[in-house]
C-alpha cells in the first residue's frame, strides 16, 4: 500500500511539474502571460459582519512575461526533482530494503537538494523581483515576510515557542494586510510558503543526527 501511495504521489508531483514547465515555456516563447486571480476576506462579530471579494487578471508582457515564464519553469524543474526523488529513494531503495544512508546515497541526496534549492531561488526571483521592493506591494510584502520570519525563527531563546507561533502570526498578518492591499497579502502568503520550502531544504541538507 505504501508503495502504491508513493507512486501515486510521484505521478501527481511530476504531472504538476510538467504543467508548470509547459506553461512557463509558452510564456517565454510568446512573451505574454495572463494570471487570473480571485480573493475574498472578511470578519464577523455576532450579528455584525463584513466581507469583501475581488477578482481580476494580471497581464504580463515582454520582459515581465519572460520573468514569469522562467519562474514557472524553474518551479516545475524543482518539482520534477522532487517527483523523481520520490520514485528513486522511496519506491526503489526503501522498498528493496537497501541502505539509503550510504555515502554515495547521501551525496546524491545533497546534490539533488542543492539543485532543487537553486531552482527554488530562481523561481522566487522570477515571481517576486527583489528590485521591485518599495514599488510593488506583493514584492514588498513577500520580502518583509522573509525577513521577519528569519529574525523570528532565529531567536535561540524562544526557538521552540517561535516554531509554534510563527505560522499563526504569519497567517494573521496576511489576513490583516488583505484588508488594505490584496497584493501585499498575496506576497506575505507566498513568503510564508517559501519559508516552509527553505526549512525543508535545510533539513535535507543538514539532517539532525540520529
Protein backbone atom coordinates (compact mmCIF):
# COMPACT_ATOMS: atom_id res chain seq x y z
CA UNK A 1 0.00 0.00 0.00
CA UNK A 2 2.82 2.38 0.87
CA UNK A 3 4.49 1.68 -2.46
CA UNK A 4 1.25 2.45 -4.33
CA UNK A 5 0.74 5.71 -2.45
CA UNK A 6 4.35 6.63 -3.15
CA UNK A 7 3.85 6.01 -6.86
CA UNK A 8 0.59 8.00 -6.96
CA UNK A 9 2.16 10.93 -5.13
CA UNK A 10 5.15 10.91 -7.50
CA UNK A 11 2.84 10.92 -10.54
CA UNK A 12 0.90 13.89 -9.14
CA UNK A 13 4.10 15.85 -8.49
CA UNK A 14 5.55 15.03 -11.91
CA UNK A 15 2.27 15.93 -13.62
CA UNK A 16 2.15 19.29 -11.83
CA UNK A 17 5.78 19.89 -12.76
CA UNK A 18 5.06 19.22 -16.42
CA UNK A 19 2.17 21.70 -16.43
CA UNK A 20 4.38 24.37 -14.84
CA UNK A 21 7.22 23.82 -17.31
CA UNK A 22 4.93 23.84 -20.35
CA UNK A 23 3.12 26.97 -19.18
CA UNK A 24 6.39 28.72 -18.41
CA UNK A 25 7.91 27.80 -21.77
CA UNK A 26 4.83 29.15 -23.54
CA UNK A 27 5.05 32.45 -21.64
CA UNK A 28 8.72 32.82 -22.57
CA UNK A 29 8.10 31.93 -26.21
CA UNK A 30 5.11 34.26 -26.64
CA UNK A 31 6.38 36.95 -24.22
CA UNK A 32 2.84 37.13 -22.91
CA UNK A 33 1.27 35.78 -19.72
CA UNK A 34 -2.11 36.39 -18.08
CA UNK A 35 -2.64 35.47 -14.44
CA UNK A 36 -6.27 35.35 -13.25
CA UNK A 37 -6.80 35.80 -9.52
CA UNK A 38 -9.66 35.90 -7.03
CA UNK A 39 -9.68 36.68 -3.32
CA UNK A 40 -12.19 37.11 -0.52
CA UNK A 41 -11.84 38.34 3.04
CA UNK A 42 -13.98 39.49 5.93
CA UNK A 43 -14.90 39.06 9.58
CA UNK A 44 -17.96 38.61 11.75
CA UNK A 45 -18.68 39.52 15.37
CA UNK A 46 -22.08 38.23 16.43
CA UNK A 47 -24.71 39.51 14.01
CA UNK A 48 -22.35 42.14 12.58
CA UNK A 49 -20.17 41.06 9.70
CA UNK A 50 -18.17 42.37 6.79
CA UNK A 51 -16.98 40.59 3.69
CA UNK A 52 -15.16 41.66 0.56
CA UNK A 53 -14.28 39.82 -2.62
CA UNK A 54 -12.23 40.85 -5.61
CA UNK A 55 -11.06 39.29 -8.84
CA UNK A 56 -9.10 40.29 -11.88
CA UNK A 57 -6.42 39.35 -14.38
CA UNK A 58 -2.80 40.43 -14.19
CA UNK A 59 -1.33 40.97 -17.65
CA UNK A 60 2.40 40.44 -18.17
CA UNK A 61 4.06 41.40 -21.44
CA UNK A 62 7.62 41.50 -22.70
CA UNK A 63 10.34 41.11 -20.07
CA UNK A 64 7.77 40.73 -17.28
CA UNK A 65 6.18 37.78 -19.08
CA UNK A 66 9.60 36.19 -19.67
CA UNK A 67 10.37 36.57 -15.96
CA UNK A 68 7.12 34.85 -15.04
CA UNK A 69 7.76 32.12 -17.60
CA UNK A 70 11.24 31.42 -16.25
CA UNK A 71 9.82 31.36 -12.72
CA UNK A 72 7.14 28.80 -13.63
CA UNK A 73 9.67 26.67 -15.50
CA UNK A 74 12.08 26.77 -12.54
CA UNK A 75 9.28 25.80 -10.18
CA UNK A 76 8.39 22.92 -12.48
CA UNK A 77 12.03 21.79 -12.62
CA UNK A 78 12.15 21.77 -8.82
CA UNK A 79 9.00 19.64 -8.70
CA UNK A 80 10.48 17.28 -11.30
CA UNK A 81 13.42 16.70 -8.95
CA UNK A 82 11.03 16.02 -6.09
CA UNK A 83 8.94 13.60 -8.12
CA UNK A 84 11.95 11.67 -9.40
CA UNK A 85 13.44 11.64 -5.90
CA UNK A 86 10.25 10.12 -4.51
CA UNK A 87 10.41 7.35 -7.09
CA UNK A 88 14.10 6.75 -6.54
CA UNK A 89 14.55 6.92 -2.79
CA UNK A 90 11.16 5.65 -1.69
CA UNK A 91 9.87 3.23 -4.33
CA UNK A 92 13.24 1.70 -5.24
CA UNK A 93 15.70 1.87 -2.37
CA UNK A 94 13.45 1.69 0.67
CA UNK A 95 11.07 -0.81 -0.88
CA UNK A 96 14.00 -3.10 -1.69
CA UNK A 97 15.38 -2.79 1.82
CA UNK A 98 18.74 -1.39 0.74
CA UNK A 99 20.65 1.11 2.81
CA UNK A 100 19.82 4.73 1.91
CA UNK A 101 22.37 6.12 4.35
CA UNK A 102 25.44 5.03 2.41
CA UNK A 103 27.89 7.83 1.47
CA UNK A 104 27.00 7.68 -2.23
CA UNK A 105 23.30 7.94 -1.38
CA UNK A 106 23.99 10.98 0.82
CA UNK A 107 25.99 12.64 -1.95
CA UNK A 108 23.14 12.13 -4.41
CA UNK A 109 20.59 13.44 -1.92
CA UNK A 110 22.72 16.51 -1.17
CA UNK A 111 23.26 17.21 -4.87
CA UNK A 112 19.57 16.95 -5.66
CA UNK A 113 18.71 19.19 -2.71
CA UNK A 114 21.20 21.87 -3.78
CA UNK A 115 19.93 21.82 -7.38
CA UNK A 116 16.35 21.99 -6.09
CA UNK A 117 17.27 25.00 -3.94
CA UNK A 118 18.80 26.74 -6.98
CA UNK A 119 15.58 26.26 -8.94
CA UNK A 120 13.58 27.50 -5.93
CA UNK A 121 15.72 30.65 -5.74
CA UNK A 122 15.29 31.21 -9.49
CA UNK A 123 11.51 30.87 -9.20
CA UNK A 124 11.48 33.27 -6.24
CA UNK A 125 13.35 35.99 -8.11
CA UNK A 126 11.15 35.50 -11.16
CA UNK A 127 7.86 35.72 -9.28
CA UNK A 128 8.98 38.46 -6.86
CA UNK A 129 11.89 40.50 -8.28
CA UNK A 130 13.77 41.97 -5.31
CA UNK A 131 14.39 45.24 -7.19
CA UNK A 132 10.64 45.87 -7.00
CA UNK A 133 10.70 46.22 -3.21
CA UNK A 134 9.02 49.51 -2.35
CA UNK A 135 7.30 49.83 -5.73
CA UNK A 136 5.38 46.53 -5.77
CA UNK A 137 3.06 45.69 -2.87
CA UNK A 138 3.41 41.95 -3.46
CA UNK A 139 7.22 42.02 -3.59
CA UNK A 140 7.38 44.27 -0.53
CA UNK A 141 5.09 42.00 1.49
CA UNK A 142 6.93 38.92 0.28
CA UNK A 143 10.42 40.02 1.31
CA UNK A 144 9.15 41.63 4.51
CA UNK A 145 7.70 38.23 5.45
CA UNK A 146 11.02 36.51 4.64
CA UNK A 147 12.99 38.97 6.73
CA UNK A 148 10.68 38.91 9.74
CA UNK A 149 10.36 35.11 9.62
CA UNK A 150 14.15 34.77 9.52
CA UNK A 151 14.53 37.05 12.53
CA UNK A 152 11.66 35.39 14.41
CA UNK A 153 12.80 31.81 13.82
CA UNK A 154 16.44 32.63 14.53
CA UNK A 155 15.79 33.67 18.15
CA UNK A 156 17.63 30.95 20.11
CA UNK A 157 15.99 31.54 23.49
CA UNK A 158 12.45 31.09 22.22
CA UNK A 159 13.23 28.79 19.32
CA UNK A 160 10.67 26.10 20.19
CA UNK A 161 7.99 28.65 21.00
CA UNK A 162 8.79 30.51 17.78
CA UNK A 163 8.18 27.35 15.77
CA UNK A 164 4.69 27.05 17.23
CA UNK A 165 3.75 30.74 16.96
CA UNK A 166 5.36 31.67 13.63
CA UNK A 167 2.72 30.22 11.30
CA UNK A 168 -0.38 31.65 13.12
CA UNK A 169 1.30 35.06 13.25
CA UNK A 170 2.16 34.93 9.53
CA UNK A 171 -1.40 33.95 8.59
CA UNK A 172 -2.83 36.71 10.79
CA UNK A 173 -0.51 39.25 9.16
CA UNK A 174 -1.68 38.18 5.70
CA UNK A 175 -5.35 38.48 6.72
CA UNK A 176 -4.83 41.95 8.19
CA UNK A 177 -2.83 43.11 5.17
CA UNK A 178 -5.56 41.81 2.90
CA UNK A 179 -7.96 44.39 4.32
CA UNK A 180 -5.77 47.10 2.80
CA UNK A 181 -3.89 45.50 -0.09
CA UNK A 182 -4.66 42.17 -1.75
CA UNK A 183 -1.28 42.17 -3.47
CA UNK A 184 0.56 42.65 -0.18
CA UNK A 185 -1.43 39.81 1.40
CA UNK A 186 -0.52 37.53 -1.51
CA UNK A 187 3.13 38.43 -1.07
CA UNK A 188 3.03 37.65 2.65
CA UNK A 189 1.25 34.35 1.99
CA UNK A 190 3.75 33.27 -0.65
CA UNK A 191 6.61 34.33 1.60
CA UNK A 192 5.20 32.07 4.31
CA UNK A 193 5.12 29.10 1.95
CA UNK A 194 8.66 29.86 0.78
CA UNK A 195 9.90 29.75 4.38
CA UNK A 196 8.42 26.25 4.67
CA UNK A 197 10.26 25.19 1.49
CA UNK A 198 13.51 26.73 2.73
CA UNK A 199 13.23 24.91 6.06
CA UNK A 200 12.58 21.67 4.18
CA UNK A 201 15.73 22.12 2.08
CA UNK A 202 17.79 22.92 5.18
CA UNK A 203 16.52 19.81 6.94
CA UNK A 204 17.53 17.68 3.95
CA UNK A 205 20.96 19.28 3.68
CA UNK A 206 21.66 19.25 7.43
CA UNK A 207 19.64 16.39 8.98
CA UNK A 208 19.72 16.07 12.74
CA UNK A 209 21.88 13.16 13.89
CA UNK A 210 20.07 10.02 14.92
